[in-house]
Amino acid sequence: MAYVGLTASTGRTGVGVATLHWDLRGHRYPPAGDLTSSGANDNRGEMQVPRHIAIIMDGNGRWARARGKRRLEGHRAGLKAIRQVLRACDELGVSVLSLYAFSTENWTRPRTEVDGLMRLFSQTLDREIDELNSEGVQLRITGRRDGLSPRLLRKIEAAEALTRPNQGRVLNLLINYGGRAEIVDAVKTLLASPRRSGPTSRKLTWSRRLPHSTPGSGNSAASGTRSRRPVRSVASPETIQPAAAPTEALPAGPRRTMSPLMVRVLSATVLVALILSSLAAGPAVALPLLTVLIMVGTWEFYVITRRMGVAAAPWVLFPLTLVLLFRFQIDAVFPQVVPLALTIAIGVGLAGYLVARQPVDGMSRWAMAVAGSLYLGWMLGFYFALYTTHQPDPARIGTALLLALAGSTVLGDTAALLAGTRFGRHPFFPGISPNKTIEGAVAGFAVQALVFAVMGLLADIPLVHGVVLGSLVAVAAQAGDLVESQFKRAAKVKDAGSLVPGHGGMLDRIDSLILISAVAYYYLELVLHVKLPQ
C-alpha cells in the first residue's frame, strides 16, 4: 500500500508533533491509538491539523528508474498521487496546500525532460482546472515567470483569473522558484531600499524580515508560502509515490541510493556486456544490434538539430544513414546501390527544395541531414568493415580489433575523468566543454594509446604499430567527444538523451567512438597493407 506522508504540527511552541500517513484510499496510518507517543490524541477530531502543508515533489525520477520507466512516467505518477493528496487534505481540513513542482535548478536537466514537464503542466491545467474551480479551490502559481512559454503563461493567467473568486481551499503551485535566486533578489531589494539608514549589516538578523522577491508571494495566509510557517514534507518514492499502483507497498524509512559514479559504471557494464555477447555470437547477431544502437544515436542527432532550430530532414537522414552504414556489405552484392542512394539524396533533395516556400530553411535542413548521415552512417560504417575483415574468422581477429578500439576508448575516457577530477587545473577547450582539463586529456591519451597497443596484439597488430595507431586513435577519440559536445552546446542541451543511466543518450556514449574506426581502417590499409572491404 502506498502512503502519502503528511507531517502534522500545531504550530504552537511546547505542543507535540505527530506524523500521520494517509493511504491512497483515505485511511489513516498508523491507526488511532498509535499516535499517543507523539503527543497527539487518538481522536482525529481533537488532533490539531495544520492550516498549511507544503510538499516538495521529489523522487519521481528515482521512482521511474527503479521500475525501468522513463523519467517522464515518474512525473505522471507524481501527478496522480497529488490528486489523492488533495482529497486527503480536504478530509483533514487543511486549507492551503503548496506544491514545490519545478525549481530554477531544474532547467539544467535534459531538454527533453524539461519540455516534457512543461507539456505535462500545460495538459494538467487544461484537464484539471474546471474540477478545481467547481470544488472551490483557488489556484495560485508562485515563482518566476521568466523562461515560461507565452502559451503557458496565458493558460496560467486564465486559470488564476477563473479561480480567484473562490474563498475555500488554496492550491499553490511553485513553478520556476529557487531558494538561491530568492535570497539574492531579496538582499538586492533590501540594499536598494530607500530606508538604507535603518539596519546595518551588524543589525541585520532573521528578526528583520527580508522583502518578498518571488512573484506571486504575499503576506496573507492564503498566499501559502509566506503565511504561518508551513509544515514541509518531502514527497519521496516511499511516501507520495507511486500513485500509479495504489496497492503496492514500499518500505518506509530511509532508502539508499547508488552514487552517480556507481550508476555510470553499472550501466556501462551492462551495455558493454550486451555488445560483447553479440560480438561473440557473430555478425548475424552483432550487426543488427549495433544497427539498432546507432539508429538510436541517429534519432538523438535529429532531436539535437531540432533544438538548434535546423531540424535535419528525416526522409534523408535515416535512410541515407542506414545505406552508408552497410555500404561495404551492400557494395559486395549490389555495387551501384550506394552511389544511387547518394545521387537520390543529392539530386532529389535539391530539386525538392527548389519549390520550397522557405528555400534557405529547406536547404539548411537538407544539408544537416546529409551531414548527419556522413557523421554517423559513413564514419561508423568502418566498424562493420573492420569486424568482417576476415570471414570466416576463427581467430576472432575482427572481434579483437573492435574490442581494442572500444575497450581502449572506455578506459581512456575513465582515466581522463578521474585524472581531470583529481588533478585537473588547466581548461581544455573551455568554450566547448568547460569541465574538461588538459591534465585529464593527457591521462586519457596515455591510457588509451597504451591499452590499444596491448589489446591490438590480439588483432595481429605489431606492438610498435599498436603504439602509433593507439596514439592516433586516442587523438581521434577526444576529437569525437569534443565534436558531439559542440553539437549539444549549439542546441543548448546537457545530454543527447536519457537512454543510458549515468551517461545520457546513446550518442553521449558513442561520441568518442565515431571517428576512431576510420583512423584504424586507413592505417591498416595504407600502412599495414591489410586487405579490407572496399
Protein backbone atom coordinates (compact mmCIF):
# COMPACT_ATOMS: atom_id res chain seq x y z
CA MET A 1 0.00 0.00 0.00
CA ALA A 2 1.41 3.40 -0.95
CA TYR A 3 1.18 6.15 1.67
CA VAL A 4 1.01 9.90 1.40
CA GLY A 5 3.16 11.37 4.16
CA LEU A 6 1.70 14.44 5.88
CA THR A 7 3.58 15.79 8.87
CA ALA A 8 1.08 17.43 11.23
CA SER A 9 2.02 20.14 13.71
CA THR A 10 0.05 22.54 15.89
CA GLY A 11 2.34 25.46 15.12
CA ARG A 12 2.46 26.41 18.84
CA THR A 13 5.57 26.18 20.96
CA GLY A 14 5.58 23.39 23.51
CA VAL A 15 2.96 21.22 21.83
CA GLY A 16 3.98 17.84 20.46
CA VAL A 17 4.28 16.91 16.78
CA ALA A 18 2.52 13.95 15.23
CA THR A 19 3.22 12.26 11.93
CA LEU A 20 0.19 10.97 10.06
CA HIS A 21 0.21 8.84 6.94
CA TRP A 22 -3.00 8.67 4.92
CA ASP A 23 -3.16 5.89 2.39
CA LEU A 24 -4.46 6.48 -1.10
CA ARG A 25 -7.94 5.39 -0.05
CA GLY A 26 -8.16 7.98 2.70
CA HIS A 27 -7.46 5.72 5.72
CA ARG A 28 -5.15 6.87 8.48
CA TYR A 29 -1.88 5.07 9.15
CA PRO A 30 -0.89 4.22 11.78
CA PRO A 31 -4.40 3.59 13.10
CA ALA A 32 -5.89 5.50 16.02
CA GLY A 33 -4.12 4.70 19.25
CA ASP A 34 -0.63 4.60 17.77
CA LEU A 35 -0.05 8.35 17.98
CA THR A 36 -0.04 8.87 21.73
CA SER A 37 3.73 8.67 21.91
CA SER A 38 3.93 11.67 19.62
CA GLY A 39 1.75 13.78 21.83
CA ALA A 40 -1.38 13.56 19.69
CA ASN A 41 -4.79 12.43 20.83
CA ASP A 42 -6.26 9.22 19.50
CA ASN A 43 -9.36 11.07 18.36
CA ARG A 44 -8.85 12.64 14.98
CA GLY A 45 -11.30 15.42 15.81
CA GLU A 46 -9.19 16.53 18.78
CA MET A 47 -5.92 16.50 16.90
CA GLN A 48 -4.52 19.86 15.82
CA VAL A 49 -4.33 19.91 12.00
CA PRO A 50 -2.08 22.50 10.28
CA ARG A 51 -3.69 25.08 8.05
CA HIS A 52 -0.90 24.83 5.51
CA ILE A 53 1.13 21.90 4.22
CA ALA A 54 3.96 22.27 1.68
CA ILE A 55 5.23 19.28 -0.24
CA ILE A 56 8.46 19.05 -2.20
CA MET A 57 7.68 16.84 -5.17
CA ASP A 58 10.88 14.84 -5.18
CA GLY A 59 11.74 11.31 -6.22
CA ASN A 60 9.76 11.00 -9.45
CA GLY A 61 12.85 10.16 -11.47
CA ARG A 62 14.10 7.61 -8.93
CA TRP A 63 10.67 6.01 -8.76
CA ALA A 64 10.62 5.64 -12.56
CA ARG A 65 14.22 4.40 -12.75
CA ALA A 66 13.58 1.72 -10.12
CA ARG A 67 10.78 0.36 -12.31
CA GLY A 68 12.58 0.64 -15.63
CA LYS A 69 10.40 3.51 -16.80
CA ARG A 70 11.23 6.86 -18.39
CA ARG A 71 11.59 9.82 -16.02
CA LEU A 72 8.51 11.48 -17.51
CA GLU A 73 6.45 8.46 -16.45
CA GLY A 74 7.56 9.16 -12.89
CA HIS A 75 6.31 12.73 -13.18
CA ARG A 76 2.94 11.46 -14.45
CA ALA A 77 2.74 9.09 -11.50
CA GLY A 78 3.51 12.02 -9.18
CA LEU A 79 0.55 13.93 -10.61
CA LYS A 80 -1.76 11.00 -9.89
CA ALA A 81 -0.51 10.93 -6.31
CA ILE A 82 -1.17 14.66 -5.92
CA ARG A 83 -4.84 14.13 -6.73
CA GLN A 84 -5.01 11.74 -3.78
CA VAL A 85 -3.20 14.25 -1.57
CA LEU A 86 -5.74 16.95 -2.46
CA ARG A 87 -8.57 14.67 -1.35
CA ALA A 88 -6.74 13.79 1.87
CA CYS A 89 -6.17 17.49 2.64
CA ASP A 90 -9.86 18.17 2.06
CA GLU A 91 -10.82 15.43 4.54
CA LEU A 92 -8.29 16.64 7.12
CA GLY A 93 -9.41 20.25 6.80
CA VAL A 94 -6.08 21.58 5.51
CA SER A 95 -6.87 24.93 3.89
CA VAL A 96 -3.62 25.61 1.99
CA LEU A 97 -1.51 23.11 0.06
CA SER A 98 1.74 24.22 -1.58
CA LEU A 99 3.49 22.00 -4.12
CA TYR A 100 7.13 22.68 -4.97
CA ALA A 101 6.97 21.42 -8.54
CA PHE A 102 9.82 22.92 -10.63
CA SER A 103 12.83 24.88 -9.41
CA THR A 104 15.17 27.15 -11.34
CA GLU A 105 17.85 24.47 -10.97
CA ASN A 106 15.62 22.04 -12.90
CA TRP A 107 16.32 23.96 -16.12
CA THR A 108 19.70 22.16 -16.20
CA ARG A 109 18.01 18.80 -16.71
CA PRO A 110 17.98 17.24 -20.20
CA ARG A 111 15.99 19.39 -22.61
CA THR A 112 13.64 16.52 -23.46
CA GLU A 113 12.70 16.15 -19.80
CA VAL A 114 12.18 19.90 -19.31
CA ASP A 115 9.99 20.10 -22.41
CA GLY A 116 8.05 17.06 -21.22
CA LEU A 117 7.48 18.63 -17.81
CA MET A 118 6.23 21.89 -19.30
CA ARG A 119 3.95 19.99 -21.66
CA LEU A 120 2.65 17.91 -18.75
CA PHE A 121 1.99 21.06 -16.70
CA SER A 122 0.08 22.62 -19.60
CA GLN A 123 -2.01 19.49 -20.16
CA THR A 124 -2.77 19.20 -16.45
CA LEU A 125 -4.02 22.79 -16.32
CA ASP A 126 -6.35 22.09 -19.24
CA ARG A 127 -7.64 18.88 -17.69
CA GLU A 128 -7.98 19.79 -14.01
CA ILE A 129 -8.83 23.49 -13.81
CA ASP A 130 -12.61 23.10 -14.21
CA GLU A 131 -12.80 20.46 -11.49
CA LEU A 132 -10.67 22.54 -9.12
CA ASN A 133 -12.89 25.54 -9.74
CA SER A 134 -16.07 23.53 -9.13
CA GLU A 135 -14.64 22.38 -5.78
CA GLY A 136 -13.99 25.98 -4.72
CA VAL A 137 -10.19 25.72 -4.90
CA GLN A 138 -8.25 28.91 -5.58
CA LEU A 139 -5.20 28.20 -7.75
CA ARG A 140 -2.10 30.34 -7.34
CA ILE A 141 1.06 29.94 -9.41
CA THR A 142 4.04 31.21 -7.41
CA GLY A 143 7.51 31.74 -8.80
CA ARG A 144 9.42 33.46 -11.56
CA ARG A 145 7.72 33.53 -14.91
CA ASP A 146 10.82 34.13 -17.00
CA GLY A 147 11.55 31.26 -19.34
CA LEU A 148 7.95 30.02 -19.47
CA SER A 149 6.43 29.99 -22.94
CA PRO A 150 3.86 32.69 -23.84
CA ARG A 151 1.24 29.99 -24.39
CA LEU A 152 1.81 28.51 -20.94
CA LEU A 153 1.75 31.98 -19.37
CA ARG A 154 -1.65 32.64 -20.95
CA LYS A 155 -3.01 29.40 -19.51
CA ILE A 156 -1.64 30.26 -16.07
CA GLU A 157 -3.22 33.71 -16.11
CA ALA A 158 -6.56 32.28 -17.28
CA ALA A 159 -6.55 29.60 -14.57
CA GLU A 160 -5.73 32.12 -11.83
CA ALA A 161 -8.43 34.51 -13.05
CA LEU A 162 -11.02 31.72 -13.16
CA THR A 163 -10.40 30.55 -9.59
CA ARG A 164 -9.61 33.93 -7.98
CA PRO A 165 -13.15 34.44 -6.58
CA ASN A 166 -13.01 31.10 -4.74
CA GLN A 167 -12.68 31.50 -0.96
CA GLY A 168 -12.30 27.87 0.05
CA ARG A 169 -9.05 25.95 -0.18
CA VAL A 170 -5.89 27.33 -1.79
CA LEU A 171 -3.57 25.33 -4.01
CA ASN A 172 -0.16 26.94 -4.54
CA LEU A 173 1.99 25.60 -7.38
CA LEU A 174 5.59 26.76 -7.09
CA ILE A 175 6.97 26.84 -10.62
CA ASN A 176 10.40 28.14 -11.57
CA TYR A 177 11.25 29.02 -7.99
CA GLY A 178 14.72 28.96 -6.47
CA GLY A 179 15.97 29.46 -2.95
CA ARG A 180 19.31 30.85 -4.11
CA ALA A 181 17.68 33.25 -6.55
CA GLU A 182 15.18 34.36 -3.89
CA ILE A 183 17.92 35.15 -1.38
CA VAL A 184 19.91 37.13 -3.94
CA ASP A 185 16.84 39.06 -5.09
CA ALA A 186 15.71 39.73 -1.53
CA VAL A 187 19.11 41.09 -0.50
CA LYS A 188 19.27 43.24 -3.65
CA THR A 189 15.82 44.62 -2.87
CA LEU A 190 16.81 45.32 0.72
CA LEU A 191 20.02 47.09 -0.27
CA ALA A 192 18.18 49.15 -2.87
CA SER A 193 15.51 50.19 -0.34
CA PRO A 194 15.36 53.95 0.40
CA ARG A 195 15.44 53.09 4.11
CA ARG A 196 19.09 52.03 3.91
CA SER A 197 19.84 54.10 7.00
CA GLY A 198 17.83 51.62 9.08
CA PRO A 199 19.64 48.36 9.85
CA THR A 200 23.33 48.00 9.35
CA SER A 201 24.94 44.71 8.40
CA ARG A 202 25.56 44.03 12.09
CA LYS A 203 21.93 44.58 12.97
CA LEU A 204 20.50 42.58 10.06
CA THR A 205 19.14 39.37 11.59
CA TRP A 206 16.34 36.90 10.88
CA SER A 207 14.08 39.08 13.04
CA ARG A 208 14.09 41.62 10.22
CA ARG A 209 12.01 40.03 7.51
CA LEU A 210 13.50 40.22 4.03
CA PRO A 211 11.35 41.66 1.27
CA HIS A 212 9.36 39.16 -0.72
CA SER A 213 11.10 38.66 -4.02
CA THR A 214 9.25 35.80 -5.63
CA PRO A 215 6.39 36.91 -7.86
CA GLY A 216 3.08 35.69 -6.54
CA SER A 217 4.14 35.53 -2.91
CA GLY A 218 2.48 37.61 -0.23
CA ASN A 219 1.83 38.01 3.47
CA SER A 220 -1.68 36.64 3.74
CA ALA A 221 -2.37 33.15 4.92
CA ALA A 222 -3.99 32.43 1.61
CA SER A 223 -0.79 33.06 -0.28
CA GLY A 224 0.52 29.82 1.11
CA THR A 225 4.27 30.08 1.10
CA ARG A 226 4.68 33.21 3.28
CA SER A 227 1.96 32.60 5.84
CA ARG A 228 2.41 30.97 9.22
CA ARG A 229 5.32 28.67 8.82
CA PRO A 230 4.11 25.78 6.67
CA VAL A 231 4.68 22.18 7.56
CA ARG A 232 7.00 20.78 4.92
CA SER A 233 7.11 17.19 3.84
CA VAL A 234 9.32 15.63 1.21
CA ALA A 235 7.30 13.60 -1.24
CA SER A 236 9.74 10.77 -1.66
CA PRO A 237 9.39 7.45 -3.51
CA GLU A 238 8.40 5.86 -0.19
CA THR A 239 5.60 8.34 0.52
CA ILE A 240 3.82 10.17 -2.21
CA GLN A 241 4.93 7.77 -4.91
CA PRO A 242 3.67 5.72 -6.61
CA ALA A 243 0.12 6.73 -7.29
CA ALA A 244 0.01 4.59 -10.40
CA ALA A 245 -0.04 1.42 -8.27
CA PRO A 246 -2.05 2.13 -5.10
CA THR A 247 -1.94 -1.46 -3.91
CA GLU A 248 1.85 -1.62 -3.92
CA ALA A 249 3.68 -1.37 -0.60
CA LEU A 250 7.03 0.34 -0.32
CA PRO A 251 9.04 0.13 2.89
CA ALA A 252 9.12 3.32 4.91
CA GLY A 253 12.24 4.96 6.21
CA PRO A 254 15.50 6.00 4.60
CA ARG A 255 16.42 4.46 1.31
CA ARG A 256 19.92 4.06 -0.02
CA THR A 257 20.61 5.26 -3.50
CA MET A 258 23.61 4.47 -5.66
CA SER A 259 26.18 7.15 -6.27
CA PRO A 260 26.27 8.70 -9.76
CA LEU A 261 29.63 7.03 -10.39
CA MET A 262 28.22 3.61 -9.47
CA VAL A 263 25.21 4.16 -11.75
CA ARG A 264 27.59 5.17 -14.53
CA VAL A 265 29.77 2.09 -14.03
CA LEU A 266 26.86 -0.35 -13.82
CA SER A 267 25.07 1.00 -16.89
CA ALA A 268 28.32 0.92 -18.89
CA THR A 269 28.95 -2.64 -17.69
CA VAL A 270 25.52 -3.79 -18.85
CA LEU A 271 25.92 -2.10 -22.23
CA VAL A 272 29.43 -3.48 -22.76
CA ALA A 273 28.31 -7.00 -21.73
CA LEU A 274 25.45 -6.81 -24.23
CA ILE A 275 27.75 -5.74 -27.05
CA LEU A 276 30.45 -8.28 -26.18
CA SER A 277 27.97 -11.15 -26.15
CA SER A 278 26.63 -10.08 -29.55
CA LEU A 279 30.14 -9.85 -30.99
CA ALA A 280 30.90 -13.32 -29.68
CA ALA A 281 27.72 -14.62 -31.30
CA GLY A 282 28.88 -13.44 -34.72
CA PRO A 283 27.81 -10.94 -37.39
CA ALA A 284 24.26 -12.32 -37.64
CA VAL A 285 23.62 -11.09 -34.08
CA ALA A 286 26.14 -8.27 -33.70
CA LEU A 287 25.32 -6.26 -36.82
CA PRO A 288 21.55 -5.94 -36.14
CA LEU A 289 22.20 -4.98 -32.51
CA LEU A 290 24.83 -2.40 -33.43
CA THR A 291 22.50 -1.05 -36.11
CA VAL A 292 19.72 -0.50 -33.56
CA LEU A 293 22.08 1.32 -31.19
CA ILE A 294 23.44 3.50 -34.00
CA MET A 295 19.94 4.38 -35.22
CA VAL A 296 19.01 5.39 -31.67
CA GLY A 297 22.01 7.73 -31.79
CA THR A 298 20.79 8.99 -35.17
CA TRP A 299 17.41 9.82 -33.65
CA GLU A 300 19.16 11.73 -30.86
CA PHE A 301 21.12 13.64 -33.51
CA TYR A 302 17.82 14.53 -35.17
CA VAL A 303 16.43 15.81 -31.86
CA ILE A 304 19.58 17.89 -31.32
CA THR A 305 19.19 19.50 -34.75
CA ARG A 306 15.61 20.39 -33.87
CA ARG A 307 16.93 22.13 -30.75
CA MET A 308 19.36 24.02 -32.94
CA GLY A 309 16.42 25.30 -34.98
CA VAL A 310 17.58 23.48 -38.15
CA ALA A 311 15.90 20.07 -37.97
CA ALA A 312 17.61 17.54 -40.25
CA ALA A 313 15.23 16.33 -42.95
CA PRO A 314 14.29 12.88 -41.60
CA TRP A 315 13.47 11.41 -45.02
CA VAL A 316 17.13 11.97 -45.94
CA LEU A 317 18.82 11.42 -42.57
CA PHE A 318 17.54 7.98 -41.57
CA PRO A 319 17.57 6.03 -44.88
CA LEU A 320 20.87 7.51 -46.02
CA THR A 321 22.47 6.72 -42.66
CA LEU A 322 21.38 3.08 -42.99
CA VAL A 323 22.72 2.79 -46.54
CA LEU A 324 26.08 4.34 -45.61
CA LEU A 325 26.32 2.17 -42.51
CA PHE A 326 26.08 -1.02 -44.60
CA ARG A 327 27.83 0.34 -47.68
CA PHE A 328 30.63 -2.27 -47.59
CA GLN A 329 28.19 -5.17 -47.32
CA ILE A 330 25.81 -3.67 -49.91
CA ASP A 331 28.63 -2.91 -52.35
CA ALA A 332 29.79 -6.52 -52.27
CA VAL A 333 26.40 -7.64 -53.64
CA PHE A 334 24.93 -4.61 -55.41
CA PRO A 335 27.81 -2.29 -56.39
CA GLN A 336 25.56 0.50 -57.69
CA VAL A 337 23.20 0.89 -54.70
CA VAL A 338 25.34 3.22 -52.59
CA PRO A 339 26.17 5.66 -55.43
CA LEU A 340 22.49 5.58 -56.42
CA ALA A 341 21.40 6.40 -52.85
CA LEU A 342 23.80 9.35 -52.71
CA THR A 343 22.62 10.57 -56.10
CA ILE A 344 18.98 10.43 -55.00
CA ALA A 345 19.72 12.20 -51.72
CA ILE A 346 21.56 14.98 -53.54
CA GLY A 347 19.52 15.32 -56.72
CA VAL A 348 16.00 14.78 -55.42
CA GLY A 349 16.76 16.69 -52.23
CA LEU A 350 17.98 19.77 -54.09
CA ALA A 351 15.20 19.57 -56.68
CA GLY A 352 12.57 19.30 -53.97
CA TYR A 353 13.73 22.43 -52.22
CA LEU A 354 13.66 24.47 -55.43
CA VAL A 355 9.90 24.74 -54.93
CA ALA A 356 10.01 25.12 -51.14
CA ARG A 357 8.30 28.17 -49.63
CA GLN A 358 11.36 28.85 -47.49
CA PRO A 359 14.28 27.66 -49.63
CA VAL A 360 17.01 28.78 -47.23
CA ASP A 361 15.46 26.86 -44.36
CA GLY A 362 14.85 23.87 -46.61
CA MET A 363 18.41 23.85 -47.88
CA SER A 364 19.72 24.07 -44.32
CA ARG A 365 17.59 21.09 -43.23
CA TRP A 366 18.76 19.06 -46.24
CA ALA A 367 22.42 19.92 -45.59
CA MET A 368 22.04 19.00 -41.91
CA ALA A 369 20.56 15.62 -42.86
CA VAL A 370 23.39 14.83 -45.30
CA ALA A 371 25.97 15.94 -42.73
CA GLY A 372 24.36 13.74 -40.06
CA SER A 373 24.34 10.74 -42.42
CA LEU A 374 28.04 11.20 -43.12
CA TYR A 375 28.83 11.83 -39.46
CA LEU A 376 27.10 8.67 -38.22
CA GLY A 377 26.46 6.34 -41.16
CA TRP A 378 29.72 6.87 -43.06
CA MET A 379 32.04 7.03 -40.05
CA LEU A 380 30.50 4.16 -38.07
CA GLY A 381 30.27 2.01 -41.20
CA PHE A 382 34.02 1.46 -40.91
CA TYR A 383 33.34 -0.67 -37.82
CA PHE A 384 31.31 -3.08 -39.92
CA ALA A 385 34.19 -3.31 -42.41
CA LEU A 386 36.75 -3.96 -39.66
CA TYR A 387 34.51 -6.51 -37.96
CA THR A 388 34.01 -8.53 -41.16
CA THR A 389 37.60 -8.23 -42.42
CA HIS A 390 38.23 -11.95 -42.06
CA GLN A 391 35.28 -14.15 -42.96
CA PRO A 392 35.36 -16.87 -41.82
CA ASP A 393 37.21 -15.58 -38.78
CA PRO A 394 38.03 -18.48 -36.46
CA ALA A 395 40.72 -16.44 -34.67
CA ARG A 396 38.21 -13.64 -33.98
CA ILE A 397 40.53 -11.01 -35.46
CA GLY A 398 37.62 -8.70 -36.28
CA THR A 399 36.18 -9.07 -32.79
CA ALA A 400 39.59 -8.43 -31.21
CA LEU A 401 40.03 -5.29 -33.31
CA LEU A 402 36.68 -3.87 -32.25
CA LEU A 403 37.42 -4.74 -28.63
CA ALA A 404 40.77 -2.95 -28.85
CA LEU A 405 39.09 0.17 -30.22
CA ALA A 406 36.14 0.21 -27.85
CA GLY A 407 37.97 -1.06 -24.76
CA SER A 408 40.84 1.42 -25.06
CA THR A 409 38.35 4.26 -25.57
CA VAL A 410 36.29 3.36 -22.49
CA LEU A 411 39.39 3.08 -20.31
CA GLY A 412 40.83 6.27 -21.79
CA ASP A 413 37.60 8.15 -21.03
CA THR A 414 37.62 6.81 -17.48
CA ALA A 415 41.25 7.82 -16.95
CA ALA A 416 40.50 11.31 -18.29
CA LEU A 417 37.55 11.66 -15.94
CA LEU A 418 39.44 10.50 -12.84
CA ALA A 419 42.61 12.46 -13.58
CA GLY A 420 40.70 15.58 -14.53
CA THR A 421 38.62 15.40 -11.36
CA ARG A 422 41.62 14.89 -9.07
CA PHE A 423 44.44 16.79 -10.75
CA GLY A 424 42.76 19.00 -13.36
CA ARG A 425 43.81 22.64 -13.23
CA HIS A 426 44.06 23.88 -16.81
CA PRO A 427 40.95 24.03 -19.04
CA PHE A 428 40.87 22.02 -22.25
CA PHE A 429 38.60 23.66 -24.88
CA PRO A 430 36.59 25.52 -22.21
CA GLY A 431 34.38 27.11 -24.85
CA ILE A 432 33.08 23.66 -25.81
CA SER A 433 33.31 21.59 -22.65
CA PRO A 434 34.11 23.65 -19.53
CA ASN A 435 34.73 20.60 -17.30
CA LYS A 436 37.50 19.10 -19.43
CA THR A 437 41.09 19.75 -18.41
CA ILE A 438 44.48 19.36 -20.08
CA GLU A 439 45.56 17.01 -17.30
CA GLY A 440 42.56 14.78 -17.94
CA ALA A 441 43.15 14.84 -21.69
CA VAL A 442 46.81 13.84 -21.28
CA ALA A 443 45.91 10.99 -18.93
CA GLY A 444 43.18 9.77 -21.30
CA PHE A 445 45.56 9.91 -24.25
CA ALA A 446 48.30 7.95 -22.48
CA VAL A 447 45.99 5.25 -21.14
CA GLN A 448 44.15 4.76 -24.44
CA ALA A 449 47.34 4.56 -26.50
CA LEU A 450 48.87 2.01 -24.11
CA VAL A 451 45.74 -0.12 -23.78
CA PHE A 452 45.21 -0.20 -27.55
CA ALA A 453 48.83 -1.23 -28.14
CA VAL A 454 48.40 -4.20 -25.78
CA MET A 455 44.93 -5.23 -26.94
CA GLY A 456 45.95 -4.75 -30.56
CA LEU A 457 48.27 -7.74 -30.23
CA LEU A 458 45.14 -9.92 -30.15
CA ALA A 459 44.25 -8.47 -33.57
CA ASP A 460 47.71 -9.26 -35.01
CA ILE A 461 48.86 -5.62 -34.87
CA PRO A 462 52.62 -5.40 -34.09
CA LEU A 463 53.42 -3.60 -30.83
CA VAL A 464 55.20 -0.63 -32.44
CA HIS A 465 52.35 -0.07 -34.87
CA GLY A 466 49.95 -0.58 -31.98
CA VAL A 467 51.53 2.32 -30.10
CA VAL A 468 51.41 4.59 -33.17
CA LEU A 469 47.88 3.62 -34.13
CA GLY A 470 46.81 3.80 -30.47
CA SER A 471 48.10 7.38 -30.28
CA LEU A 472 46.20 8.37 -33.43
CA VAL A 473 43.07 6.65 -32.13
CA ALA A 474 43.37 8.47 -28.79
CA VAL A 475 43.51 11.85 -30.55
CA ALA A 476 40.52 10.94 -32.73
CA ALA A 477 38.56 9.77 -29.68
CA GLN A 478 38.99 13.09 -27.89
CA ALA A 479 38.14 14.97 -31.08
CA GLY A 480 34.93 12.93 -31.41
CA ASP A 481 33.98 13.74 -27.85
CA LEU A 482 34.50 17.46 -28.45
CA VAL A 483 32.53 17.40 -31.72
CA GLU A 484 29.48 15.94 -30.00
CA SER A 485 29.88 18.40 -27.13
CA GLN A 486 29.85 21.23 -29.66
CA PHE A 487 26.60 19.86 -31.11
CA LYS A 488 24.99 19.83 -27.68
CA ARG A 489 26.27 23.31 -26.84
CA ALA A 490 24.81 24.65 -30.08
CA ALA A 491 21.48 23.02 -29.17
CA LYS A 492 21.75 24.17 -25.52
CA VAL A 493 21.22 20.70 -24.09
CA LYS A 494 23.25 18.88 -21.45
CA ASP A 495 22.79 15.36 -22.83
CA ALA A 496 21.76 13.96 -26.18
CA GLY A 497 19.16 11.78 -24.43
CA SER A 498 18.50 9.75 -21.31
CA LEU A 499 18.68 6.16 -22.55
CA VAL A 500 21.87 5.17 -20.70
CA PRO A 501 21.69 5.94 -16.94
CA GLY A 502 24.66 7.99 -15.77
CA HIS A 503 25.79 8.72 -19.33
CA GLY A 504 22.87 10.41 -21.04
CA GLY A 505 21.91 9.27 -24.51
CA MET A 506 23.40 6.72 -26.88
CA LEU A 507 25.16 9.49 -28.76
CA ASP A 508 26.81 10.55 -25.49
CA ARG A 509 28.07 7.00 -25.03
CA ILE A 510 29.49 6.51 -28.54
CA ASP A 511 30.75 10.04 -29.25
CA SER A 512 34.39 9.09 -28.67
CA LEU A 513 34.00 6.03 -30.91
CA ILE A 514 32.65 7.76 -34.01
CA LEU A 515 35.89 8.98 -35.59
CA ILE A 516 38.35 6.30 -34.49
CA SER A 517 37.16 3.47 -36.77
CA ALA A 518 38.09 5.48 -39.88
CA VAL A 519 41.58 6.12 -38.44
CA ALA A 520 42.06 2.40 -37.77
CA TYR A 521 40.68 1.41 -41.20
CA TYR A 522 43.00 3.60 -43.23
CA TYR A 523 46.04 2.88 -41.04
CA LEU A 524 45.55 -0.85 -41.51
CA GLU A 525 45.02 -0.47 -45.25
CA LEU A 526 47.62 2.17 -46.12
CA VAL A 527 50.38 1.40 -43.59
CA LEU A 528 49.98 -2.27 -42.70
CA HIS A 529 48.52 -3.17 -46.13
CA VAL A 530 45.76 -5.27 -44.65
CA LYS A 531 43.19 -6.25 -47.28
CA LEU A 532 39.92 -4.69 -46.13
CA PRO A 533 36.43 -4.49 -47.66
CA GLN A 534 36.29 -1.66 -50.18
